[in-house]
Amino acid sequence: NVRLIEAGKNPQGSVFTPDSKRLYLTVMESNTILGIEPATGKIEQRIPTSPGPARLAMVDGGKTILYNLLKGVAWADV
């Protein structure tokens, strides 16, 4: 079973929370990290970023997202 979730232009990296209840996905063209509920496919959270988010990782036990930009590194509390 495959489900398409419209995320926007140029989705990049993704990471699950430690409990796998949320998927975070960077969308480079909209400078956003999306928080997606895997069970429903609904976008539950939008985190604005600086230009060019790409890859990301969960740190601090799932409380923080560390992500790279085209010109640096940043983080967001979730």
Protein backbone atom coordinates (compact mmCIF):
# COMPACT_ATOMS: atom_id res chain seq x y z
CA ASN A 1 0.00 0.00 0.00
CA VAL A 2 1.49 3.33 -1.10
CA ARG A 3 0.22 6.74 -0.02
CA LEU A 4 1.35 9.97 -1.66
CA ILE A 5 1.59 13.00 0.63
CA GLU A 6 1.86 16.29 -1.23
CA ALA A 7 4.74 18.01 0.51
CA GLY A 8 5.72 20.75 -1.94
CA LYS A 9 8.68 21.29 -4.25
CA ASN A 10 12.00 19.59 -3.65
CA PRO A 11 11.50 17.49 -0.51
CA GLN A 12 14.85 16.43 0.88
CA GLY A 13 15.70 14.61 4.09
CA SER A 14 13.41 12.99 6.61
CA VAL A 15 13.62 11.55 10.10
CA PHE A 16 11.20 9.83 12.46
CA THR A 17 10.81 10.80 16.10
CA PRO A 18 12.21 8.17 18.50
CA ASP A 19 8.70 6.72 19.00
CA SER A 20 8.01 6.74 15.20
CA LYS A 21 4.77 8.70 15.73
CA ARG A 22 5.85 11.68 13.63
CA LEU A 23 7.95 12.08 10.49
CA TYR A 24 9.80 15.33 9.90
CA LEU A 25 10.58 16.24 6.29
CA THR A 26 12.53 19.20 4.91
CA VAL A 27 11.09 20.98 1.87
CA MET A 28 13.85 23.04 0.29
CA GLU A 29 11.77 25.29 -2.01
CA SER A 30 9.40 26.43 0.75
CA ASN A 31 12.07 26.70 3.48
CA THR A 32 10.02 24.51 5.75
CA ILE A 33 10.20 21.38 7.88
CA LEU A 34 6.91 19.48 7.86
CA GLY A 35 5.74 17.35 10.78
CA ILE A 36 3.70 14.51 9.28
CA GLU A 37 1.51 12.03 11.15
CA PRO A 38 2.41 8.71 9.46
CA ALA A 39 -0.79 6.95 10.51
CA THR A 40 -3.02 9.49 8.74
CA GLY A 41 -0.65 11.14 6.26
CA LYS A 42 -1.72 14.56 7.55
CA ILE A 43 0.69 17.45 7.89
CA GLU A 44 0.35 18.41 11.55
CA GLN A 45 3.20 20.91 11.91
CA ARG A 46 5.07 23.44 9.76
CA ILE A 47 8.39 24.79 11.01
CA PRO A 48 9.79 27.75 9.03
CA THR A 49 13.53 27.61 8.30
CA SER A 50 16.20 29.77 6.75
CA PRO A 51 16.76 29.21 3.00
CA GLY A 52 17.72 25.76 1.78
CA PRO A 53 16.91 23.10 4.38
CA ALA A 54 18.11 19.67 3.30
CA ARG A 55 19.12 16.83 5.66
CA LEU A 56 18.10 16.55 9.30
CA ALA A 57 18.53 14.51 12.47
CA MET A 58 16.69 14.20 15.77
CA VAL A 59 18.83 15.07 18.79
CA ASP A 60 18.29 15.63 22.50
CA GLY A 61 16.03 12.60 22.83
CA GLY A 62 13.71 13.81 20.07
CA LYS A 63 13.21 17.33 21.42
CA THR A 64 15.33 19.08 18.79
CA ILE A 65 15.86 18.80 15.04
CA LEU A 66 19.34 19.58 13.76
CA TYR A 67 19.35 20.37 10.03
CA ASN A 68 21.69 21.68 7.40
CA LEU A 69 21.06 24.60 5.07
CA LEU A 70 22.74 25.47 1.80
CA LYS A 71 24.98 27.85 3.78
CA GLY A 72 25.08 26.54 7.32
CA VAL A 73 23.54 24.47 10.09
CA ALA A 74 20.51 25.27 12.26
CA TRP A 75 18.20 23.66 14.79
CA ALA A 76 14.55 23.79 15.79
CA ASP A 77 12.79 22.80 18.99
CA VAL A 78 9.90 20.46 18.34
